[in-house]
C-alpha atoms as a PDB file:
ATOM      1  CA  MET A   1       9.948 -20.030 -19.792  1.00  0.00           C
ATOM      2  CA  ASP A   2      10.181 -19.868 -15.407  1.00  0.00           C
ATOM      3  CA  HIS A   3       7.462 -17.025 -14.750  1.00  0.00           C
ATOM      4  CA  SER A   4       9.717 -15.477 -12.543  1.00  0.00           C
ATOM      5  CA  GLU A   5      12.338 -15.520 -15.019  1.00  0.00           C
ATOM      6  CA  LYS A   6      10.345 -13.305 -17.848  1.00  0.00           C
ATOM      7  CA  ASN A   7      12.397 -10.878 -19.970  1.00  0.00           C
ATOM      8  CA  HIS A   8      11.013  -7.130 -20.123  1.00  0.00           C
ATOM      9  CA  PRO A   9      12.461  -3.832 -21.338  1.00  0.00           C
ATOM     10  CA  LEU A  10      13.304  -2.512 -18.543  1.00  0.00           C
ATOM     11  CA  ILE A  11      15.529  -4.898 -16.473  1.00  0.00           C
ATOM     12  CA  GLU A  12      18.570  -3.457 -18.680  1.00  0.00           C
ATOM     13  CA  VAL A  13      17.578   0.090 -17.213  1.00  0.00           C
ATOM     14  CA  TRP A  14      17.762  -1.254 -13.646  1.00  0.00           C
ATOM     15  CA  ASN A  15      20.483  -2.932 -13.897  1.00  0.00           C
ATOM     16  CA  SER A  16      22.379   0.238 -14.134  1.00  0.00           C
ATOM     17  CA  TYR A  17      21.199   1.414 -10.148  1.00  0.00           C
ATOM     18  CA  PRO A  18      23.782  -0.107  -8.376  1.00  0.00           C
ATOM     19  CA  GLY A  19      22.489  -3.472  -6.411  1.00  0.00           C
ATOM     20  CA  ALA A  20      19.095  -3.942  -7.488  1.00  0.00           C
ATOM     21  CA  ARG A  21      18.157  -7.335  -8.650  1.00  0.00           C
ATOM     22  CA  LYS A  22      21.455  -8.164  -6.363  1.00  0.00           C
ATOM     23  CA  GLU A  23      19.288 -11.318  -5.692  1.00  0.00           C
ATOM     24  CA  ASN A  24      16.440 -13.318  -6.369  1.00  0.00           C
ATOM     25  CA  LYS A  25      14.215 -12.956  -3.389  1.00  0.00           C
ATOM     26  CA  ASN A  26      10.742 -14.344  -2.946  1.00  0.00           C
ATOM     27  CA  ILE A  27       8.825 -11.360  -0.923  1.00  0.00           C
ATOM     28  CA  SER A  28       5.694 -12.126   0.773  1.00  0.00           C
ATOM     29  CA  ILE A  29       5.509  -8.425   3.537  1.00  0.00           C
ATOM     30  CA  ILE A  30       2.997  -6.393   1.906  1.00  0.00           C
ATOM     31  CA  PRO A  31       3.765  -2.696   2.571  1.00  0.00           C
ATOM     32  CA  PRO A  32       1.904   0.074   4.238  1.00  0.00           C
ATOM     33  CA  ILE A  33      -1.202   0.239   0.987  1.00  0.00           C
ATOM     34  CA  GLU A  34      -2.948   2.287   2.965  1.00  0.00           C
ATOM     35  CA  ARG A  35       0.238   4.705   3.930  1.00  0.00           C
ATOM     36  CA  ILE A  36       1.332   5.174   0.666  1.00  0.00           C
ATOM     37  CA  ILE A  37      -1.585   5.542  -1.246  1.00  0.00           C
ATOM     38  CA  GLY A  38      -1.462   8.883   1.510  1.00  0.00           C
ATOM     39  CA  GLU A  39       1.724   9.932  -0.333  1.00  0.00           C
ATOM     40  CA  MET A  40      -0.347   9.155  -3.725  1.00  0.00           C
ATOM     41  CA  PHE A  41      -3.193  10.607  -5.870  1.00  0.00           C
ATOM     42  CA  ALA A  42      -6.024   9.558  -7.873  1.00  0.00           C
ATOM     43  CA  ILE A  43      -7.782  11.527  -9.871  1.00  0.00           C
ATOM     44  CA  GLY A  44     -10.099   9.169 -11.442  1.00  0.00           C
ATOM     45  CA  GLU A  45     -10.281   5.472 -11.878  1.00  0.00           C
ATOM     46  CA  PHE A  46      -6.806   3.629  -9.774  1.00  0.00           C
ATOM     47  CA  TYR A  47      -5.092   0.721  -9.180  1.00  0.00           C
ATOM     48  CA  TYR A  48      -1.748  -0.447  -7.672  1.00  0.00           C
ATOM     49  CA  TYR A  49       0.025  -3.386  -7.349  1.00  0.00           C
ATOM     50  CA  VAL A  50       3.028  -3.575  -5.445  1.00  0.00           C
ATOM     51  CA  LEU A  51       6.469  -5.345  -7.886  1.00  0.00           C
ATOM     52  CA  ASN A  52       9.476  -7.113  -6.349  1.00  0.00           C
ATOM     53  CA  LEU A  53      12.261  -5.557  -7.621  1.00  0.00           C
ATOM     54  CA  THR A  54      14.268  -8.781  -7.699  1.00  0.00           C
ATOM     55  CA  ASN A  55      12.316 -10.782  -9.799  1.00  0.00           C
ATOM     56  CA  SER A  56      10.198  -8.503 -11.707  1.00  0.00           C
ATOM     57  CA  THR A  57       6.762 -10.087  -9.903  1.00  0.00           C
ATOM     58  CA  VAL A  58       3.747  -8.139  -9.047  1.00  0.00           C
ATOM     59  CA  SER A  59       1.286  -9.612  -6.644  1.00  0.00           C
ATOM     60  CA  HIS A  60      -1.261  -7.590  -4.465  1.00  0.00           C
ATOM     61  CA  HIS A  61      -3.325  -6.007  -7.169  1.00  0.00           C
ATOM     62  CA  HIS A  62      -6.297  -3.985  -6.642  1.00  0.00           C
ATOM     63  CA  GLU A  63      -8.921  -5.497  -7.997  1.00  0.00           C
ATOM     64  CA  ASN A  64      -9.302  -2.654 -10.392  1.00  0.00           C
ATOM     65  CA  ILE A  65      -7.017  -3.645 -12.583  1.00  0.00           C
ATOM     66  CA  LEU A  66      -9.265  -6.433 -14.150  1.00  0.00           C
ATOM     67  CA  LYS A  67     -11.794  -3.962 -14.914  1.00  0.00           C
ATOM     68  CA  LEU A  68     -10.000  -1.214 -16.248  1.00  0.00           C
ATOM     69  CA  HIS A  69      -7.637  -3.308 -18.669  1.00  0.00           C
ATOM     70  CA  GLY A  70     -10.574  -5.988 -18.947  1.00  0.00           C
ATOM     71  CA  LEU A  71      -8.655  -8.819 -17.706  1.00  0.00           C
ATOM     72  CA  LYS A  72      -9.829 -12.144 -16.673  1.00  0.00           C
ATOM     73  CA  LYS A  73      -6.692 -12.775 -13.790  1.00  0.00           C
ATOM     74  CA  TYR A  74      -4.268 -10.693 -12.031  1.00  0.00           C
ATOM     75  CA  PRO A  75      -1.018 -10.208 -13.788  1.00  0.00           C
ATOM     76  CA  GLU A  76       2.037 -12.067 -12.258  1.00  0.00           C
ATOM     77  CA  HIS A  77       4.820 -10.526 -13.826  1.00  0.00           C
ATOM     78  CA  LEU A  78       5.620  -6.697 -14.688  1.00  0.00           C
ATOM     79  CA  LYS A  79       5.736  -7.903 -18.646  1.00  0.00           C
ATOM     80  CA  ASP A  80       2.196  -8.302 -18.541  1.00  0.00           C
ATOM     81  CA  ILE A  81       1.383  -4.870 -17.575  1.00  0.00           C
ATOM     82  CA  ILE A  82       3.974  -3.457 -19.962  1.00  0.00           C
ATOM     83  CA  ASP A  83       2.065  -5.746 -22.809  1.00  0.00           C
ATOM     84  CA  LEU A  84      -0.371  -3.154 -22.069  1.00  0.00           C
ATOM     85  CA  THR A  85       1.522  -0.161 -22.802  1.00  0.00           C
ATOM     86  CA  HIS A  86       0.572   1.631 -26.509  1.00  0.00           C
ATOM     87  CA  PRO A  87       3.848   0.441 -28.371  1.00  0.00           C
ATOM     88  CA  ASP A  88       4.782   3.799 -28.944  1.00  0.00           C
ATOM     89  CA  ASP A  89       5.191   4.359 -25.981  1.00  0.00           C
ATOM     90  CA  ILE A  90       7.784   1.781 -24.700  1.00  0.00           C
ATOM     91  CA  GLU A  91      10.808   3.867 -25.602  1.00  0.00           C
ATOM     92  CA  PHE A  92       9.333   6.804 -23.393  1.00  0.00           C
ATOM     93  CA  ILE A  93       8.964   4.409 -20.879  1.00  0.00           C
ATOM     94  CA  ILE A  94      12.708   3.361 -20.740  1.00  0.00           C
ATOM     95  CA  LYS A  95      14.092   6.618 -21.161  1.00  0.00           C
ATOM     96  CA  ALA A  96      11.617   8.220 -18.370  1.00  0.00           C
ATOM     97  CA  GLU A  97      13.234   5.219 -16.485  1.00  0.00           C
ATOM     98  CA  GLN A  98      16.766   6.223 -17.327  1.00  0.00           C
ATOM     99  CA  LYS A  99      16.051   9.560 -15.985  1.00  0.00           C
ATOM    100  CA  VAL A 100      14.927   7.848 -12.268  1.00  0.00           C
ATOM    101  CA  VAL A 101      18.259   6.128 -12.322  1.00  0.00           C
ATOM    102  CA  GLU A 102      19.913   8.690 -12.392  1.00  0.00           C
ATOM    103  CA  LYS A 103      18.796  11.297 -10.646  1.00  0.00           C
ATOM    104  CA  MET A 104      18.143   8.779  -7.783  1.00  0.00           C
ATOM    105  CA  LEU A 105      21.666   7.992  -7.813  1.00  0.00           C
ATOM    106  CA  GLU A 106      22.258  12.358  -7.886  1.00  0.00           C
ATOM    107  CA  VAL A 107      20.336  12.733  -4.793  1.00  0.00           C
ATOM    108  CA  GLY A 108      21.539   9.672  -2.682  1.00  0.00           C
ATOM    109  CA  LYS A 109      20.513   5.932  -2.055  1.00  0.00           C
ATOM    110  CA  GLU A 110      20.049   7.258   1.383  1.00  0.00           C
ATOM    111  CA  ASN A 111      17.235   9.075   0.706  1.00  0.00           C
ATOM    112  CA  GLN A 112      15.065   7.027  -2.529  1.00  0.00           C
ATOM    113  CA  MET A 113      12.473   5.635   0.204  1.00  0.00           C
ATOM    114  CA  TYR A 114      11.035   9.422   0.017  1.00  0.00           C
ATOM    115  CA  LEU A 115      11.436   9.709  -3.686  1.00  0.00           C
ATOM    116  CA  LYS A 116       8.566   9.238  -6.106  1.00  0.00           C
ATOM    117  CA  PRO A 117       8.632   9.423  -9.285  1.00  0.00           C
ATOM    118  CA  SER A 118       5.826   9.661 -11.749  1.00  0.00           C
ATOM    119  CA  TYR A 119       4.772  10.062 -15.024  1.00  0.00           C
ATOM    120  CA  CYS A 120       2.392   9.231 -17.732  1.00  0.00           C
ATOM    121  CA  PHE A 121       1.639   6.693 -20.621  1.00  0.00           C
ATOM    122  CA  ARG A 122      -1.222   4.771 -22.978  1.00  0.00           C
ATOM    123  CA  MET A 123      -2.234   1.205 -21.744  1.00  0.00           C
ATOM    124  CA  LYS A 124      -4.763  -0.839 -23.394  1.00  0.00           C
ATOM    125  CA  THR A 125      -8.520  -0.805 -21.527  1.00  0.00           C
ATOM    126  CA  ALA A 126     -11.341  -3.082 -21.975  1.00  0.00           C
ATOM    127  CA  ALA A 127     -12.723  -1.622 -24.408  1.00  0.00           C
ATOM    128  CA  GLY A 128     -10.298  -2.330 -26.899  1.00  0.00           C
ATOM    129  CA  ASN A 129      -9.046   1.507 -27.261  1.00  0.00           C
ATOM    130  CA  TYR A 130      -5.368   2.986 -25.555  1.00  0.00           C
ATOM    131  CA  GLU A 131      -5.990   5.668 -22.852  1.00  0.00           C
ATOM    132  CA  LEU A 132      -3.549   7.665 -21.139  1.00  0.00           C
ATOM    133  CA  PHE A 133      -2.953   6.653 -17.527  1.00  0.00           C
ATOM    134  CA  HIS A 134      -0.732   8.538 -14.828  1.00  0.00           C
ATOM    135  CA  HIS A 135       2.308   6.560 -13.237  1.00  0.00           C
ATOM    136  CA  GLN A 136       3.634   6.598  -9.267  1.00  0.00           C
ATOM    137  CA  ALA A 137       6.034   4.515  -7.829  1.00  0.00           C
ATOM    138  CA  ILE A 138       7.273   4.362  -4.243  1.00  0.00           C
ATOM    139  CA  LEU A 139       9.931   2.492  -2.663  1.00  0.00           C
ATOM    140  CA  THR A 140       8.998   0.114   0.405  1.00  0.00           C
ATOM    141  CA  LEU A 141      11.308  -2.227   1.049  1.00  0.00           C
ATOM    142  CA  GLU A 142      15.360  -2.107   0.929  1.00  0.00           C
ATOM    143  CA  ASP A 143      18.074  -4.337   1.970  1.00  0.00           C
ATOM    144  CA  ASP A 144      20.276  -3.595   4.870  1.00  0.00           C
ATOM    145  CA  ASP A 145      23.431  -2.373   2.220  1.00  0.00           C
ATOM    146  CA  LYS A 146      19.976   0.257   0.753  1.00  0.00           C
ATOM    147  CA  ASN A 147      19.474  -1.958  -2.347  1.00  0.00           C
ATOM    148  CA  PRO A 148      15.722  -1.406  -3.412  1.00  0.00           C
ATOM    149  CA  ILE A 149      13.590  -5.056  -3.363  1.00  0.00           C
ATOM    150  CA  GLN A 150      10.122  -4.002  -3.573  1.00  0.00           C
ATOM    151  CA  THR A 151       7.867  -0.710  -4.652  1.00  0.00           C
ATOM    152  CA  ILE A 152       4.336  -0.362  -4.611  1.00  0.00           C
ATOM    153  CA  ASN A 153       2.628   1.333  -8.485  1.00  0.00           C
ATOM    154  CA  ILE A 154      -0.504   2.697  -8.639  1.00  0.00           C
ATOM    155  CA  HIS A 155      -1.850   3.676 -12.090  1.00  0.00           C
ATOM    156  CA  THR A 156      -4.844   6.015 -12.955  1.00  0.00           C
ATOM    157  CA  ASN A 157      -6.754   6.822 -16.020  1.00  0.00           C
ATOM    158  CA  ILE A 158      -6.447  10.729 -16.005  1.00  0.00           C
ATOM    159  CA  ASN A 159      -7.685  10.427 -19.966  1.00  0.00           C
ATOM    160  CA  HIS A 160     -10.903  12.153 -18.840  1.00  0.00           C
ATOM    161  CA  ILE A 161      -8.625  15.249 -17.956  1.00  0.00           C
ATOM    162  CA  THR A 162      -6.378  14.986 -20.995  1.00  0.00           C
ATOM    163  CA  ASN A 163      -4.900  12.768 -23.557  1.00  0.00           C
ATOM    164  CA  GLU A 164      -1.936  15.015 -23.963  1.00  0.00           C
ATOM    165  CA  ASN A 165       1.041  12.921 -22.623  1.00  0.00           C
ATOM    166  CA  PRO A 166       3.742  15.935 -21.539  1.00  0.00           C
ATOM    167  CA  TYR A 167       6.885  12.948 -22.075  1.00  0.00           C
ATOM    168  CA  THR A 168       8.308  14.326 -18.701  1.00  0.00           C
ATOM    169  CA  VAL A 169       9.310  12.117 -15.475  1.00  0.00           C
ATOM    170  CA  LEU A 170       9.077  13.764 -12.280  1.00  0.00           C
ATOM    171  CA  LEU A 171      10.340  12.972  -9.057  1.00  0.00           C
ATOM    172  CA  SER A 172       9.315  14.333  -5.724  1.00  0.00           C
ATOM    173  CA  GLY A 173       9.979  14.441  -2.280  1.00  0.00           C
ATOM    174  CA  ILE A 174       7.548  12.701   0.552  1.00  0.00           C
ATOM    175  CA  GLY A 175       7.334  12.329   3.842  1.00  0.00           C
ATOM    176  CA  SER A 176      10.391  14.486   5.128  1.00  0.00           C
ATOM    177  CA  ARG A 177      11.370  15.687   1.707  1.00  0.00           C
ATOM    178  CA  ASN A 178      10.392  18.171  -0.158  1.00  0.00           C
ATOM    179  CA  ASP A 179      12.138  17.422  -3.651  1.00  0.00           C
ATOM    180  CA  PHE A 180      10.960  18.451  -7.605  1.00  0.00           C
ATOM    181  CA  HIS A 181      12.984  17.122  -9.947  1.00  0.00           C
ATOM    182  CA  GLN A 182      11.435  17.500 -13.621  1.00  0.00           C
ATOM    183  CA  MET A 183      13.302  16.065 -16.316  1.00  0.00           C
ATOM    184  CA  LYS A 184      11.776  16.412 -19.878  1.00  0.00           C
ATOM    185  CA  ILE A 185      12.289  13.344 -21.944  1.00  0.00           C
ATOM    186  CA  GLU A 186      14.767  15.029 -25.277  1.00  0.00           C
ATOM    187  CA  ASN A 187      13.511  13.810 -28.908  1.00  0.00           C
ATOM    188  CA  ILE A 188       9.931  12.960 -27.905  1.00  0.00           C
ATOM    189  CA  SER A 189       7.748  15.985 -28.981  1.00  0.00           C
ATOM    190  CA  SER A 190       5.187  18.089 -26.249  1.00  0.00           C
ATOM    191  CA  LYS A 191       3.220  21.037 -27.289  1.00  0.00           C
ATOM    192  CA  LYS A 192       3.122  22.352 -23.839  1.00  0.00           C
ATOM    193  CA  ASN A 193       6.408  24.160 -21.814  1.00  0.00           C
ATOM    194  CA  PHE A 194       6.053  24.533 -18.277  1.00  0.00           C
ATOM    195  CA  SER A 195       9.628  26.420 -17.716  1.00  0.00           C
ATOM    196  CA  GLU A 196       8.001  29.146 -18.925  1.00  0.00           C
ATOM    197  CA  ILE A 197       5.203  29.392 -16.326  1.00  0.00           C
ATOM    198  CA  ASN A 198       7.836  30.033 -13.813  1.00  0.00           C
ATOM    199  CA  LEU A 199       5.886  29.064 -10.434  1.00  0.00           C
ATOM    200  CA  THR A 200       7.589  29.067  -7.701  1.00  0.00           C
ATOM    201  CA  LYS A 201       8.254  26.642  -5.358  1.00  0.00           C
ATOM    202  CA  ARG A 202       5.658  27.563  -2.992  1.00  0.00           C
ATOM    203  CA  GLU A 203       2.991  27.362  -5.791  1.00  0.00           C
ATOM    204  CA  THR A 204       4.119  24.118  -7.163  1.00  0.00           C
ATOM    205  CA  GLU A 205       3.883  22.430  -3.787  1.00  0.00           C
ATOM    206  CA  ILE A 206       0.388  23.764  -3.333  1.00  0.00           C
ATOM    207  CA  LEU A 207      -0.725  22.810  -6.918  1.00  0.00           C
ATOM    208  CA  SER A 208       0.479  19.303  -5.599  1.00  0.00           C
ATOM    209  CA  LEU A 209      -1.900  19.123  -2.834  1.00  0.00           C
ATOM    210  CA  ILE A 210      -4.607  20.615  -4.911  1.00  0.00           C
ATOM    211  CA  ALA A 211      -4.430  18.461  -7.329  1.00  0.00           C
ATOM    212  CA  LYS A 212      -4.596  15.626  -4.646  1.00  0.00           C
ATOM    213  CA  GLY A 213      -7.858  16.749  -3.818  1.00  0.00           C
ATOM    214  CA  TYR A 214      -7.052  18.599  -0.390  1.00  0.00           C
ATOM    215  CA  SER A 215      -9.266  22.288   0.488  1.00  0.00           C
ATOM    216  CA  GLY A 216      -7.591  25.323   1.365  1.00  0.00           C
ATOM    217  CA  PRO A 217      -7.914  25.283   4.985  1.00  0.00           C
ATOM    218  CA  GLU A 218      -6.575  21.457   5.093  1.00  0.00           C
ATOM    219  CA  ILE A 219      -3.507  22.982   2.351  1.00  0.00           C
ATOM    220  CA  SER A 220      -3.083  25.957   5.272  1.00  0.00           C
ATOM    221  CA  LYS A 221      -2.908  23.121   8.537  1.00  0.00           C
ATOM    222  CA  MET A 222      -0.290  21.154   6.291  1.00  0.00           C
ATOM    223  CA  LEU A 223       2.538  23.553   5.339  1.00  0.00           C
ATOM    224  CA  ILE A 224       1.698  26.057   8.637  1.00  0.00           C
ATOM    225  CA  LEU A 225       0.649  29.184   6.357  1.00  0.00           C
ATOM    226  CA  SER A 226      -3.102  31.617   6.387  1.00  0.00           C
ATOM    227  CA  GLU A 227      -5.966  30.286   4.419  1.00  0.00           C
ATOM    228  CA  HIS A 228      -5.714  33.784   3.217  1.00  0.00           C
ATOM    229  CA  THR A 229      -2.193  32.903   2.091  1.00  0.00           C
ATOM    230  CA  VAL A 230      -3.424  29.923   0.339  1.00  0.00           C
ATOM    231  CA  ARG A 231      -5.878  31.516  -0.961  1.00  0.00           C
ATOM    232  CA  THR A 232      -3.883  33.953  -2.664  1.00  0.00           C
ATOM    233  CA  HIS A 233      -0.652  31.295  -3.733  1.00  0.00           C
ATOM    234  CA  ARG A 234      -4.224  29.995  -5.674  1.00  0.00           C
ATOM    235  CA  LYS A 235      -5.039  32.846  -7.458  1.00  0.00           C
ATOM    236  CA  ASN A 236      -1.800  33.718  -8.549  1.00  0.00           C
ATOM    237  CA  ILE A 237      -1.082  29.830  -9.986  1.00  0.00           C
ATOM    238  CA  LEU A 238      -4.599  30.541 -11.667  1.00  0.00           C
ATOM    239  CA  ALA A 239      -3.532  33.566 -13.400  1.00  0.00           C
ATOM    240  CA  LYS A 240       0.109  32.634 -14.201  1.00  0.00           C
ATOM    241  CA  THR A 241      -1.348  29.272 -16.006  1.00  0.00           C
ATOM    242  CA  ASN A 242      -4.405  31.355 -17.621  1.00  0.00           C
ATOM    243  CA  SER A 243      -6.411  28.817 -15.708  1.00  0.00           C
ATOM    244  CA  ARG A 244      -9.919  29.713 -14.876  1.00  0.00           C
ATOM    245  CA  ASN A 245     -11.006  27.102 -12.371  1.00  0.00           C
ATOM    246  CA  SER A 246      -9.037  23.917 -10.493  1.00  0.00           C
ATOM    247  CA  LYS A 247     -10.696  21.671 -13.052  1.00  0.00           C
ATOM    248  CA  GLU A 248      -8.570  23.838 -16.386  1.00  0.00           C
ATOM    249  CA  LEU A 249      -5.482  23.442 -14.029  1.00  0.00           C
ATOM    250  CA  LEU A 250      -5.058  20.327 -13.551  1.00  0.00           C
ATOM    251  CA  LYS A 251      -5.225  19.093 -16.814  1.00  0.00           C
ATOM    252  CA  LYS A 252      -2.841  21.515 -17.592  1.00  0.00           C
ATOM    253  CA  ALA A 253      -0.813  20.812 -15.016  1.00  0.00           C
ATOM    254  CA  PHE A 254      -0.666  16.968 -16.249  1.00  0.00           C
ATOM    255  CA  GLU A 255       0.370  18.263 -19.624  1.00  0.00           C
ATOM    256  CA  TRP A 256       2.603  20.304 -18.226  1.00  0.00           C
ATOM    257  CA  GLY A 257       4.326  17.052 -15.930  1.00  0.00           C
ATOM    258  CA  ILE A 258       3.882  19.029 -12.718  1.00  0.00           C
ATOM    259  CA  ILE A 259       2.033  16.851 -11.410  1.00  0.00           C
END
């Protein structure tokens, strides 16, 4: 079988997105990886790869993918990466991508370059066990008809922070957009319930920036707020989440599926 034609469980989901996989294209354009990484965050060891959505081939890998998964060569197809995923999490990933497609269409394809889906699932590590990884994706190339062609995906090992999957999908805005769409996957158990925390939109925004490693003064400049206001928001966030410090807050934020 030709490598570019390998089947994987997400093809049917992506085909439901109008225009997706319209043509099988070989893409040589390298996305602005440094800028993309700036829109993401990696609290732990991570890697990225570029995904060609028209034929599911992957390229431009970060070298950490070999070390974290104990691979001898770089994956050439998305199926090679999916094969590293815990079998019990495949159903969740399919449902998560379905939620992403539905919400993307609801928000509008014209905004797809400024939306970032993220969720968690377990992957096999070099040690031979399964650990929790945080997945983020940003569309980096579309054609003249707004059909998606290429994304850059980043996987971060967060098992040192938490091993509890919230089974929640987050679609957040980047750049000029401030979207925050949290979608719970039904029929998959989770111990945490973020809806009971009742963070404000501003508090959720600040929590996301804290998670990315930004300091209070940096958050102040980014959001055009006084440092006192940022400190007050942080204090309120810690109180609402019953967290003693930022480390505990970060753990809970992952478990609630809000970052």
